[in-house]
């Protein structure tokens, strides 16, 4: 996982191609820390390298979103491959997350 700053937004780039339970558990721990330490409370999760999402990871992502809401943080997801977006759509997780086609669209949406 790589973390960058753009304006007042923390951009988290996931490095692993497969988002399974082990990867998302570790990411969740790190992400919670980022949320708690972030001054802006604006977080962007970049899915550009993700080629597979295991179903348990979806539940953990939902928990992550709930944690953001409790911390008054705003979370957006971006750069999903069509196959990954389809997994989110079929499971109706798209109704929970703000998902943008590109990083630029997400950054603009935070404004």
PDB file of N, CA and C in Angstrom:
ATOM      1  N   UNK A   1       0.844  -1.171   0.000  1.00  0.00           N
ATOM      2  CA  UNK A   1       0.000   0.000   0.000  1.00  0.00           C
ATOM      3  C   UNK A   1       0.889   1.234   0.000  1.00  0.00           C
ATOM      4  N   UNK A   2       0.573   2.158  -0.884  1.00  0.00           N
ATOM      5  CA  UNK A   2       1.294   3.422  -0.956  1.00  0.00           C
ATOM      6  C   UNK A   2       0.332   4.545  -0.605  1.00  0.00           C
ATOM      7  N   UNK A   3       0.841   5.537   0.093  1.00  0.00           N
ATOM      8  CA  UNK A   3       0.009   6.670   0.484  1.00  0.00           C
ATOM      9  C   UNK A   3       0.617   7.937  -0.090  1.00  0.00           C
ATOM     10  N   UNK A   4      -0.222   8.710  -0.764  1.00  0.00           N
ATOM     11  CA  UNK A   4       0.195   9.989  -1.328  1.00  0.00           C
ATOM     12  C   UNK A   4      -0.785  11.059  -0.877  1.00  0.00           C
ATOM     13  N   UNK A   5      -0.361  12.291  -1.015  1.00  0.00           N
ATOM     14  CA  UNK A   5      -1.214  13.420  -0.662  1.00  0.00           C
ATOM     15  C   UNK A   5      -1.441  14.255  -1.918  1.00  0.00           C
ATOM     16  N   UNK A   6      -2.689  14.597  -2.187  1.00  0.00           N
ATOM     17  CA  UNK A   6      -3.038  15.513  -3.270  1.00  0.00           C
ATOM     18  C   UNK A   6      -3.967  16.548  -2.669  1.00  0.00           C
ATOM     19  N   UNK A   7      -3.491  17.775  -2.618  1.00  0.00           N
ATOM     20  CA  UNK A   7      -4.219  18.840  -1.920  1.00  0.00           C
ATOM     21  C   UNK A   7      -4.423  18.380  -0.482  1.00  0.00           C
ATOM     22  N   UNK A   8      -5.653  18.249  -0.050  1.00  0.00           N
ATOM     23  CA  UNK A   8      -5.923  17.819   1.327  1.00  0.00           C
ATOM     24  C   UNK A   8      -6.533  16.419   1.363  1.00  0.00           C
ATOM     25  N   UNK A   9      -6.198  15.611   0.355  1.00  0.00           N
ATOM     26  CA  UNK A   9      -6.776  14.271   0.218  1.00  0.00           C
ATOM     27  C   UNK A   9      -5.676  13.221   0.335  1.00  0.00           C
ATOM     28  N   UNK A  10      -5.911  12.217   1.172  1.00  0.00           N
ATOM     29  CA  UNK A  10      -4.988  11.087   1.268  1.00  0.00           C
ATOM     30  C   UNK A  10      -5.381  10.060   0.214  1.00  0.00           C
ATOM     31  N   UNK A  11      -4.450   9.743  -0.680  1.00  0.00           N
ATOM     32  CA  UNK A  11      -4.691   8.746  -1.727  1.00  0.00           C
ATOM     33  C   UNK A  11      -3.975   7.469  -1.325  1.00  0.00           C
ATOM     34  N   UNK A  12      -4.734   6.398  -1.205  1.00  0.00           N
ATOM     35  CA  UNK A  12      -4.178   5.106  -0.823  1.00  0.00           C
ATOM     36  C   UNK A  12      -4.212   4.203  -2.042  1.00  0.00           C
ATOM     37  N   UNK A  13      -3.030   3.819  -2.502  1.00  0.00           N
ATOM     38  CA  UNK A  13      -2.916   2.951  -3.677  1.00  0.00           C
ATOM     39  C   UNK A  13      -2.645   1.523  -3.199  1.00  0.00           C
ATOM     40  N   UNK A  14      -3.565   0.644  -3.510  1.00  0.00           N
ATOM     41  CA  UNK A  14      -3.405  -0.765  -3.131  1.00  0.00           C
ATOM     42  C   UNK A  14      -2.410  -1.422  -4.075  1.00  0.00           C
ATOM     43  N   UNK A  15      -1.409  -2.101  -3.531  1.00  0.00           N
ATOM     44  CA  UNK A  15      -0.336  -2.696  -4.331  1.00  0.00           C
ATOM     45  C   UNK A  15      -0.632  -4.109  -4.806  1.00  0.00           C
ATOM     46  N   UNK A  16      -1.418  -4.846  -4.049  1.00  0.00           N
ATOM     47  CA  UNK A  16      -1.669  -6.249  -4.375  1.00  0.00           C
ATOM     48  C   UNK A  16      -2.718  -6.364  -5.472  1.00  0.00           C
ATOM     49  N   UNK A  17      -2.536  -7.335  -6.367  1.00  0.00           N
ATOM     50  CA  UNK A  17      -3.522  -7.557  -7.423  1.00  0.00           C
ATOM     51  C   UNK A  17      -4.770  -8.228  -6.877  1.00  0.00           C
ATOM     52  N   UNK A  18      -4.588  -9.095  -5.896  1.00  0.00           N
ATOM     53  CA  UNK A  18      -5.701  -9.849  -5.320  1.00  0.00           C
ATOM     54  C   UNK A  18      -6.057  -9.248  -3.964  1.00  0.00           C
ATOM     55  N   UNK A  19      -7.311  -8.860  -3.829  1.00  0.00           N
ATOM     56  CA  UNK A  19      -7.787  -8.311  -2.567  1.00  0.00           C
ATOM     57  C   UNK A  19      -8.527  -9.426  -1.830  1.00  0.00           C
ATOM     58  N   UNK A  20      -7.741 -10.203  -1.069  1.00  0.00           N
ATOM     59  CA  UNK A  20      -8.341 -11.305  -0.314  1.00  0.00           C
ATOM     60  C   UNK A  20      -8.391 -10.928   1.163  1.00  0.00           C
ATOM     61  N   UNK A  21      -8.824 -11.856   1.982  1.00  0.00           N
ATOM     62  CA  UNK A  21      -9.019 -11.550   3.403  1.00  0.00           C
ATOM     63  C   UNK A  21      -7.717 -11.111   4.082  1.00  0.00           C
ATOM     64  N   UNK A  22      -6.605 -11.779   3.806  1.00  0.00           N
ATOM     65  CA  UNK A  22      -5.341 -11.419   4.456  1.00  0.00           C
ATOM     66  C   UNK A  22      -4.911 -10.008   4.085  1.00  0.00           C
ATOM     67  N   UNK A  23      -4.975  -9.710   2.801  1.00  0.00           N
ATOM     68  CA  UNK A  23      -4.562  -8.386   2.321  1.00  0.00           C
ATOM     69  C   UNK A  23      -5.476  -7.311   2.902  1.00  0.00           C
ATOM     70  N   UNK A  24      -6.786  -7.537   2.841  1.00  0.00           N
ATOM     71  CA  UNK A  24      -7.721  -6.511   3.300  1.00  0.00           C
ATOM     72  C   UNK A  24      -7.678  -6.350   4.817  1.00  0.00           C
ATOM     73  N   UNK A  25      -7.399  -7.428   5.565  1.00  0.00           N
ATOM     74  CA  UNK A  25      -7.261  -7.302   7.026  1.00  0.00           C
ATOM     75  C   UNK A  25      -6.119  -6.350   7.372  1.00  0.00           C
ATOM     76  N   UNK A  26      -4.973  -6.548   6.735  1.00  0.00           N
ATOM     77  CA  UNK A  26      -3.822  -5.679   6.983  1.00  0.00           C
ATOM     78  C   UNK A  26      -4.114  -4.266   6.500  1.00  0.00           C
ATOM     79  N   UNK A  27      -4.722  -4.151   5.336  1.00  0.00           N
ATOM     80  CA  UNK A  27      -5.079  -2.840   4.797  1.00  0.00           C
ATOM     81  C   UNK A  27      -6.041  -2.128   5.737  1.00  0.00           C
ATOM     82  N   UNK A  28      -7.006  -2.869   6.280  1.00  0.00           N
ATOM     83  CA  UNK A  28      -7.987  -2.292   7.204  1.00  0.00           C
ATOM     84  C   UNK A  28      -7.293  -1.686   8.421  1.00  0.00           C
ATOM     85  N   UNK A  29      -6.348  -2.416   8.992  1.00  0.00           N
ATOM     86  CA  UNK A  29      -5.619  -1.901  10.164  1.00  0.00           C
ATOM     87  C   UNK A  29      -4.868  -0.615   9.817  1.00  0.00           C
ATOM     88  N   UNK A  30      -4.169  -0.633   8.694  1.00  0.00           N
ATOM     89  CA  UNK A  30      -3.414   0.547   8.278  1.00  0.00           C
ATOM     90  C   UNK A  30      -4.351   1.704   7.936  1.00  0.00           C
ATOM     91  N   UNK A  31      -5.444   1.380   7.278  1.00  0.00           N
ATOM     92  CA  UNK A  31      -6.386   2.395   6.843  1.00  0.00           C
ATOM     93  C   UNK A  31      -7.049   3.075   8.042  1.00  0.00           C
ATOM     94  N   UNK A  32      -7.399   2.298   9.071  1.00  0.00           N
ATOM     95  CA  UNK A  32      -7.982   2.881  10.281  1.00  0.00           C
ATOM     96  C   UNK A  32      -7.023   3.892  10.902  1.00  0.00           C
ATOM     97  N   UNK A  33      -5.753   3.556  10.907  1.00  0.00           N
ATOM     98  CA  UNK A  33      -4.755   4.466  11.460  1.00  0.00           C
ATOM     99  C   UNK A  33      -4.675   5.740  10.625  1.00  0.00           C
ATOM    100  N   UNK A  34      -4.709   5.591   9.308  1.00  0.00           N
ATOM    101  CA  UNK A  34      -4.667   6.755   8.418  1.00  0.00           C
ATOM    102  C   UNK A  34      -5.871   7.654   8.674  1.00  0.00           C
ATOM    103  N   UNK A  35      -7.057   7.061   8.793  1.00  0.00           N
ATOM    104  CA  UNK A  35      -8.278   7.834   9.040  1.00  0.00           C
ATOM    105  C   UNK A  35      -8.149   8.620  10.343  1.00  0.00           C
ATOM    106  N   UNK A  36      -7.665   7.954  11.377  1.00  0.00           N
ATOM    107  CA  UNK A  36      -7.569   8.593  12.684  1.00  0.00           C
ATOM    108  C   UNK A  36      -6.516   9.692  12.713  1.00  0.00           C
ATOM    109  N   UNK A  37      -5.481   9.578  11.874  1.00  0.00           N
ATOM    110  CA  UNK A  37      -4.408  10.571  11.865  1.00  0.00           C
ATOM    111  C   UNK A  37      -4.602  11.647  10.805  1.00  0.00           C
ATOM    112  N   UNK A  38      -5.515  11.435   9.879  1.00  0.00           N
ATOM    113  CA  UNK A  38      -5.717  12.367   8.774  1.00  0.00           C
ATOM    114  C   UNK A  38      -6.352  13.662   9.260  1.00  0.00           C
ATOM    115  N   UNK A  39      -5.744  14.770   8.890  1.00  0.00           N
ATOM    116  CA  UNK A  39      -6.301  16.072   9.254  1.00  0.00           C
ATOM    117  C   UNK A  39      -7.510  16.407   8.390  1.00  0.00           C
ATOM    118  N   UNK A  40      -7.473  16.004   7.137  1.00  0.00           N
ATOM    119  CA  UNK A  40      -8.531  16.392   6.198  1.00  0.00           C
ATOM    120  C   UNK A  40      -9.747  15.484   6.254  1.00  0.00           C
ATOM    121  N   UNK A  41      -9.537  14.229   6.628  1.00  0.00           N
ATOM    122  CA  UNK A  41     -10.615  13.225   6.654  1.00  0.00           C
ATOM    123  C   UNK A  41     -11.196  12.986   5.262  1.00  0.00           C
ATOM    124  N   UNK A  42     -10.361  13.141   4.240  1.00  0.00           N
ATOM    125  CA  UNK A  42     -10.762  12.820   2.868  1.00  0.00           C
ATOM    126  C   UNK A  42      -9.823  11.729   2.376  1.00  0.00           C
ATOM    127  N   UNK A  43     -10.392  10.574   2.043  1.00  0.00           N
ATOM    128  CA  UNK A  43      -9.577   9.425   1.670  1.00  0.00           C
ATOM    129  C   UNK A  43     -10.037   8.845   0.349  1.00  0.00           C
ATOM    130  N   UNK A  44      -9.073   8.551  -0.502  1.00  0.00           N
ATOM    131  CA  UNK A  44      -9.344   7.979  -1.812  1.00  0.00           C
ATOM    132  C   UNK A  44      -8.615   6.648  -1.916  1.00  0.00           C
ATOM    133  N   UNK A  45      -9.352   5.601  -2.199  1.00  0.00           N
ATOM    134  CA  UNK A  45      -8.800   4.253  -2.319  1.00  0.00           C
ATOM    135  C   UNK A  45      -8.704   3.902  -3.797  1.00  0.00           C
ATOM    136  N   UNK A  46      -7.471   3.748  -4.292  1.00  0.00           N
ATOM    137  CA  UNK A  46      -7.205   3.494  -5.710  1.00  0.00           C
ATOM    138  C   UNK A  46      -7.138   1.990  -5.970  1.00  0.00           C
ATOM    139  N   UNK A  47      -8.053   1.509  -6.808  1.00  0.00           N
ATOM    140  CA  UNK A  47      -8.168   0.088  -7.126  1.00  0.00           C
ATOM    141  C   UNK A  47      -7.481  -0.287  -8.437  1.00  0.00           C
ATOM    142  N   UNK A  48      -6.665   0.569  -9.014  1.00  0.00           N
ATOM    143  CA  UNK A  48      -6.141   0.337 -10.365  1.00  0.00           C
ATOM    144  C   UNK A  48      -5.360  -0.969 -10.519  1.00  0.00           C
ATOM    145  N   UNK A  49      -4.699  -1.444  -9.477  1.00  0.00           N
ATOM    146  CA  UNK A  49      -3.919  -2.685  -9.586  1.00  0.00           C
ATOM    147  C   UNK A  49      -4.712  -3.938  -9.214  1.00  0.00           C
ATOM    148  N   UNK A  50      -5.912  -3.762  -8.681  1.00  0.00           N
ATOM    149  CA  UNK A  50      -6.709  -4.896  -8.206  1.00  0.00           C
ATOM    150  C   UNK A  50      -7.344  -5.634  -9.384  1.00  0.00           C
ATOM    151  N   UNK A  51      -7.090  -6.952  -9.449  1.00  0.00           N
ATOM    152  CA  UNK A  51      -7.676  -7.778 -10.512  1.00  0.00           C
ATOM    153  C   UNK A  51      -8.687  -8.787  -9.974  1.00  0.00           C
ATOM    154  N   UNK A  52      -8.712  -8.968  -8.646  1.00  0.00           N
ATOM    155  CA  UNK A  52      -9.636  -9.925  -8.036  1.00  0.00           C
ATOM    156  C   UNK A  52      -9.984  -9.464  -6.626  1.00  0.00           C
ATOM    157  N   UNK A  53     -11.272  -9.547  -6.281  1.00  0.00           N
ATOM    158  CA  UNK A  53     -11.728  -9.219  -4.930  1.00  0.00           C
ATOM    159  C   UNK A  53     -12.448 -10.435  -4.361  1.00  0.00           C
ATOM    160  N   UNK A  54     -11.921 -10.985  -3.280  1.00  0.00           N
ATOM    161  CA  UNK A  54     -12.575 -12.115  -2.605  1.00  0.00           C
ATOM    162  C   UNK A  54     -13.782 -11.589  -1.834  1.00  0.00           C
ATOM    163  N   UNK A  55     -14.813 -12.403  -1.728  1.00  0.00           N
ATOM    164  CA  UNK A  55     -16.049 -11.946  -1.082  1.00  0.00           C
ATOM    165  C   UNK A  55     -15.857 -11.488   0.366  1.00  0.00           C
ATOM    166  N   UNK A  56     -15.005 -12.134   1.179  1.00  0.00           N
ATOM    167  CA  UNK A  56     -14.820 -11.617   2.546  1.00  0.00           C
ATOM    168  C   UNK A  56     -14.259 -10.190   2.559  1.00  0.00           C
ATOM    169  N   UNK A  57     -13.509  -9.848   1.522  1.00  0.00           N
ATOM    170  CA  UNK A  57     -12.935  -8.507   1.449  1.00  0.00           C
ATOM    171  C   UNK A  57     -14.023  -7.446   1.310  1.00  0.00           C
ATOM    172  N   UNK A  58     -15.124  -7.793   0.647  1.00  0.00           N
ATOM    173  CA  UNK A  58     -16.226  -6.834   0.503  1.00  0.00           C
ATOM    174  C   UNK A  58     -16.797  -6.457   1.871  1.00  0.00           C
ATOM    175  N   UNK A  59     -16.983  -7.447   2.724  1.00  0.00           N
ATOM    176  CA  UNK A  59     -17.494  -7.175   4.069  1.00  0.00           C
ATOM    177  C   UNK A  59     -16.560  -6.289   4.865  1.00  0.00           C
ATOM    178  N   UNK A  60     -15.272  -6.520   4.721  1.00  0.00           N
ATOM    179  CA  UNK A  60     -14.292  -5.712   5.444  1.00  0.00           C
ATOM    180  C   UNK A  60     -14.276  -4.295   4.889  1.00  0.00           C
ATOM    181  N   UNK A  61     -14.425  -4.151   3.572  1.00  0.00           N
ATOM    182  CA  UNK A  61     -14.506  -2.812   2.981  1.00  0.00           C
ATOM    183  C   UNK A  61     -15.735  -2.059   3.494  1.00  0.00           C
ATOM    184  N   UNK A  62     -16.837  -2.769   3.653  1.00  0.00           N
ATOM    185  CA  UNK A  62     -18.042  -2.141   4.202  1.00  0.00           C
ATOM    186  C   UNK A  62     -17.779  -1.683   5.637  1.00  0.00           C
ATOM    187  N   UNK A  63     -17.095  -2.501   6.421  1.00  0.00           N
ATOM    188  CA  UNK A  63     -16.723  -2.110   7.791  1.00  0.00           C
ATOM    189  C   UNK A  63     -15.825  -0.882   7.777  1.00  0.00           C
ATOM    190  N   UNK A  64     -14.930  -0.839   6.819  1.00  0.00           N
ATOM    191  CA  UNK A  64     -14.035   0.302   6.663  1.00  0.00           C
ATOM    192  C   UNK A  64     -14.836   1.568   6.372  1.00  0.00           C
ATOM    193  N   UNK A  65     -15.822   1.455   5.511  1.00  0.00           N
ATOM    194  CA  UNK A  65     -16.677   2.594   5.188  1.00  0.00           C
ATOM    195  C   UNK A  65     -17.445   3.058   6.427  1.00  0.00           C
ATOM    196  N   UNK A  66     -17.935   2.113   7.214  1.00  0.00           N
ATOM    197  CA  UNK A  66     -18.651   2.462   8.447  1.00  0.00           C
ATOM    198  C   UNK A  66     -17.723   3.166   9.433  1.00  0.00           C
ATOM    199  N   UNK A  67     -16.474   2.718   9.499  1.00  0.00           N
ATOM    200  CA  UNK A  67     -15.492   3.374  10.369  1.00  0.00           C
ATOM    201  C   UNK A  67     -15.264   4.812   9.902  1.00  0.00           C
ATOM    202  N   UNK A  68     -15.185   5.007   8.597  1.00  0.00           N
ATOM    203  CA  UNK A  68     -15.032   6.362   8.051  1.00  0.00           C
ATOM    204  C   UNK A  68     -16.197   7.245   8.479  1.00  0.00           C
ATOM    205  N   UNK A  69     -17.400   6.713   8.383  1.00  0.00           N
ATOM    206  CA  UNK A  69     -18.583   7.485   8.771  1.00  0.00           C
ATOM    207  C   UNK A  69     -18.532   7.866  10.248  1.00  0.00           C
ATOM    208  N   UNK A  70     -18.112   6.937  11.098  1.00  0.00           N
ATOM    209  CA  UNK A  70     -18.000   7.230  12.535  1.00  0.00           C
ATOM    210  C   UNK A  70     -16.948   8.306  12.814  1.00  0.00           C
ATOM    211  N   UNK A  71     -15.918   8.348  11.986  1.00  0.00           N
ATOM    212  CA  UNK A  71     -14.828   9.311  12.172  1.00  0.00           C
ATOM    213  C   UNK A  71     -15.076  10.606  11.391  1.00  0.00           C
ATOM    214  N   UNK A  72     -16.261  10.738  10.801  1.00  0.00           N
ATOM    215  CA  UNK A  72     -16.596  11.894   9.954  1.00  0.00           C
ATOM    216  C   UNK A  72     -15.608  12.065   8.810  1.00  0.00           C
ATOM    217  N   UNK A  73     -15.167  10.957   8.270  1.00  0.00           N
ATOM    218  CA  UNK A  73     -14.257  10.970   7.122  1.00  0.00           C
ATOM    219  C   UNK A  73     -15.053  10.660   5.855  1.00  0.00           C
ATOM    220  N   UNK A  74     -14.563  11.179   4.741  1.00  0.00           N
ATOM    221  CA  UNK A  74     -15.191  10.912   3.450  1.00  0.00           C
ATOM    222  C   UNK A  74     -14.306   9.943   2.678  1.00  0.00           C
ATOM    223  N   UNK A  75     -14.911   8.891   2.153  1.00  0.00           N
ATOM    224  CA  UNK A  75     -14.189   7.850   1.428  1.00  0.00           C
ATOM    225  C   UNK A  75     -14.742   7.729   0.018  1.00  0.00           C
ATOM    226  N   UNK A  76     -13.840   7.676  -0.952  1.00  0.00           N
ATOM    227  CA  UNK A  76     -14.224   7.422  -2.339  1.00  0.00           C
ATOM    228  C   UNK A  76     -13.299   6.329  -2.872  1.00  0.00           C
ATOM    229  N   UNK A  77     -13.786   5.569  -3.842  1.00  0.00           N
ATOM    230  CA  UNK A  77     -13.003   4.535  -4.519  1.00  0.00           C
ATOM    231  C   UNK A  77     -12.864   4.943  -5.976  1.00  0.00           C
ATOM    232  N   UNK A  78     -11.738   4.577  -6.590  1.00  0.00           N
ATOM    233  CA  UNK A  78     -11.558   4.937  -7.998  1.00  0.00           C
ATOM    234  C   UNK A  78     -10.737   3.886  -8.744  1.00  0.00           C
ATOM    235  N   UNK A  79     -10.743   4.044 -10.063  1.00  0.00           N
ATOM    236  CA  UNK A  79      -9.918   3.240 -10.981  1.00  0.00           C
ATOM    237  C   UNK A  79     -10.198   1.742 -10.915  1.00  0.00           C
ATOM    238  N   UNK A  80     -11.461   1.377 -10.777  1.00  0.00           N
ATOM    239  CA  UNK A  80     -11.808  -0.051 -10.767  1.00  0.00           C
ATOM    240  C   UNK A  80     -11.858  -0.598 -12.182  1.00  0.00           C
ATOM    241  N   UNK A  81     -11.294  -1.770 -12.354  1.00  0.00           N
ATOM    242  CA  UNK A  81     -11.454  -2.482 -13.622  1.00  0.00           C
ATOM    243  C   UNK A  81     -12.922  -2.884 -13.742  1.00  0.00           C
ATOM    244  N   UNK A  82     -13.425  -3.014 -14.973  1.00  0.00           N
ATOM    245  CA  UNK A  82     -14.839  -3.384 -15.148  1.00  0.00           C
ATOM    246  C   UNK A  82     -15.232  -4.656 -14.405  1.00  0.00           C
ATOM    247  N   UNK A  83     -14.366  -5.658 -14.394  1.00  0.00           N
ATOM    248  CA  UNK A  83     -14.690  -6.915 -13.717  1.00  0.00           C
ATOM    249  C   UNK A  83     -14.832  -6.711 -12.205  1.00  0.00           C
ATOM    250  N   UNK A  84     -14.043  -5.821 -11.632  1.00  0.00           N
ATOM    251  CA  UNK A  84     -14.135  -5.528 -10.199  1.00  0.00           C
ATOM    252  C   UNK A  84     -15.403  -4.724  -9.920  1.00  0.00           C
ATOM    253  N   UNK A  85     -15.682  -3.751 -10.773  1.00  0.00           N
ATOM    254  CA  UNK A  85     -16.911  -2.970 -10.603  1.00  0.00           C
ATOM    255  C   UNK A  85     -18.131  -3.890 -10.679  1.00  0.00           C
ATOM    256  N   UNK A  86     -18.086  -4.850 -11.586  1.00  0.00           N
ATOM    257  CA  UNK A  86     -19.205  -5.792 -11.721  1.00  0.00           C
ATOM    258  C   UNK A  86     -19.447  -6.571 -10.426  1.00  0.00           C
ATOM    259  N   UNK A  87     -18.376  -6.962  -9.745  1.00  0.00           N
ATOM    260  CA  UNK A  87     -18.514  -7.659  -8.457  1.00  0.00           C
ATOM    261  C   UNK A  87     -19.220  -6.743  -7.453  1.00  0.00           C
ATOM    262  N   UNK A  88     -18.819  -5.484  -7.423  1.00  0.00           N
ATOM    263  CA  UNK A  88     -19.453  -4.519  -6.525  1.00  0.00           C
ATOM    264  C   UNK A  88     -20.916  -4.315  -6.908  1.00  0.00           C
ATOM    265  N   UNK A  89     -21.206  -4.260  -8.205  1.00  0.00           N
ATOM    266  CA  UNK A  89     -22.577  -4.029  -8.669  1.00  0.00           C
ATOM    267  C   UNK A  89     -23.482  -5.221  -8.369  1.00  0.00           C
ATOM    268  N   UNK A  90     -23.005  -6.428  -8.662  1.00  0.00           N
ATOM    269  CA  UNK A  90     -23.809  -7.636  -8.441  1.00  0.00           C
ATOM    270  C   UNK A  90     -24.153  -7.799  -6.962  1.00  0.00           C
ATOM    271  N   UNK A  91     -23.222  -7.452  -6.105  1.00  0.00           N
ATOM    272  CA  UNK A  91     -23.449  -7.578  -4.662  1.00  0.00           C
ATOM    273  C   UNK A  91     -24.109  -6.325  -4.071  1.00  0.00           C
ATOM    274  N   UNK A  92     -24.414  -5.369  -4.921  1.00  0.00           N
ATOM    275  CA  UNK A  92     -25.065  -4.104  -4.561  1.00  0.00           C
ATOM    276  C   UNK A  92     -24.234  -3.245  -3.613  1.00  0.00           C
ATOM    277  N   UNK A  93     -22.940  -3.483  -3.588  1.00  0.00           N
ATOM    278  CA  UNK A  93     -22.040  -2.679  -2.766  1.00  0.00           C
ATOM    279  C   UNK A  93     -21.866  -1.290  -3.381  1.00  0.00           C
ATOM    280  N   UNK A  94     -22.194  -1.157  -4.661  1.00  0.00           N
ATOM    281  CA  UNK A  94     -22.110   0.154  -5.314  1.00  0.00           C
ATOM    282  C   UNK A  94     -23.064   1.159  -4.673  1.00  0.00           C
ATOM    283  N   UNK A  95     -24.068   0.679  -3.967  1.00  0.00           N
ATOM    284  CA  UNK A  95     -25.003   1.577  -3.285  1.00  0.00           C
ATOM    285  C   UNK A  95     -24.407   2.151  -1.999  1.00  0.00           C
ATOM    286  N   UNK A  96     -23.339   1.546  -1.526  1.00  0.00           N
ATOM    287  CA  UNK A  96     -22.711   1.967  -0.272  1.00  0.00           C
ATOM    288  C   UNK A  96     -21.565   2.938  -0.520  1.00  0.00           C
ATOM    289  N   UNK A  97     -20.779   2.673  -1.560  1.00  0.00           N
ATOM    290  CA  UNK A  97     -19.566   3.442  -1.822  1.00  0.00           C
ATOM    291  C   UNK A  97     -19.759   4.473  -2.919  1.00  0.00           C
ATOM    292  N   UNK A  98     -18.990   5.532  -2.829  1.00  0.00           N
ATOM    293  CA  UNK A  98     -18.868   6.505  -3.914  1.00  0.00           C
ATOM    294  C   UNK A  98     -17.724   6.000  -4.784  1.00  0.00           C
ATOM    295  N   UNK A  99     -18.041   5.615  -6.024  1.00  0.00           N
ATOM    296  CA  UNK A  99     -17.045   5.023  -6.918  1.00  0.00           C
ATOM    297  C   UNK A  99     -16.927   5.889  -8.163  1.00  0.00           C
ATOM    298  N   UNK A 100     -15.699   6.284  -8.478  1.00  0.00           N
ATOM    299  CA  UNK A 100     -15.433   7.113  -9.647  1.00  0.00           C
ATOM    300  C   UNK A 100     -14.570   6.356 -10.645  1.00  0.00           C
ATOM    301  N   UNK A 101     -14.720   6.722 -11.920  1.00  0.00           N
ATOM    302  CA  UNK A 101     -13.948   6.068 -12.976  1.00  0.00           C
ATOM    303  C   UNK A 101     -12.460   6.370 -12.887  1.00  0.00           C
ATOM    304  N   UNK A 102     -12.123   7.568 -12.436  1.00  0.00           N
ATOM    305  CA  UNK A 102     -10.719   7.976 -12.440  1.00  0.00           C
ATOM    306  C   UNK A 102     -10.361   8.711 -11.148  1.00  0.00           C
ATOM    307  N   UNK A 103      -9.075   8.820 -10.928  1.00  0.00           N
ATOM    308  CA  UNK A 103      -8.587   9.570  -9.774  1.00  0.00           C
ATOM    309  C   UNK A 103      -8.987  11.036  -9.898  1.00  0.00           C
ATOM    310  N   UNK A 104      -8.889  11.561 -11.109  1.00  0.00           N
ATOM    311  CA  UNK A 104      -9.232  12.958 -11.346  1.00  0.00           C
ATOM    312  C   UNK A 104     -10.693  13.233 -10.984  1.00  0.00           C
ATOM    313  N   UNK A 105     -11.578  12.312 -11.368  1.00  0.00           N
ATOM    314  CA  UNK A 105     -13.004  12.472 -11.051  1.00  0.00           C
ATOM    315  C   UNK A 105     -13.226  12.447  -9.538  1.00  0.00           C
ATOM    316  N   UNK A 106     -12.518  11.572  -8.849  1.00  0.00           N
ATOM    317  CA  UNK A 106     -12.646  11.501  -7.388  1.00  0.00           C
ATOM    318  C   UNK A 106     -12.147  12.777  -6.733  1.00  0.00           C
ATOM    319  N   UNK A 107     -10.985  13.249  -7.175  1.00  0.00           N
ATOM    320  CA  UNK A 107     -10.428  14.468  -6.592  1.00  0.00           C
ATOM    321  C   UNK A 107     -11.382  15.642  -6.795  1.00  0.00           C
ATOM    322  N   UNK A 108     -11.976  15.729  -7.983  1.00  0.00           N
ATOM    323  CA  UNK A 108     -12.935  16.802  -8.262  1.00  0.00           C
ATOM    324  C   UNK A 108     -14.185  16.656  -7.393  1.00  0.00           C
ATOM    325  N   UNK A 109     -14.618  15.429  -7.165  1.00  0.00           N
ATOM    326  CA  UNK A 109     -15.829  15.184  -6.372  1.00  0.00           C
ATOM    327  C   UNK A 109     -15.635  15.565  -4.905  1.00  0.00           C
ATOM    328  N   UNK A 110     -14.408  15.528  -4.424  1.00  0.00           N
ATOM    329  CA  UNK A 110     -14.138  15.915  -3.042  1.00  0.00           C
ATOM    330  C   UNK A 110     -14.269  17.420  -2.839  1.00  0.00           C
ATOM    331  N   UNK A 111     -14.151  18.178  -3.914  1.00  0.00           N
ATOM    332  CA  UNK A 111     -14.176  19.655  -3.802  1.00  0.00           C
ATOM    333  C   UNK A 111     -15.514  20.177  -3.362  1.00  0.00           C
TER     334      UNK A 111
END
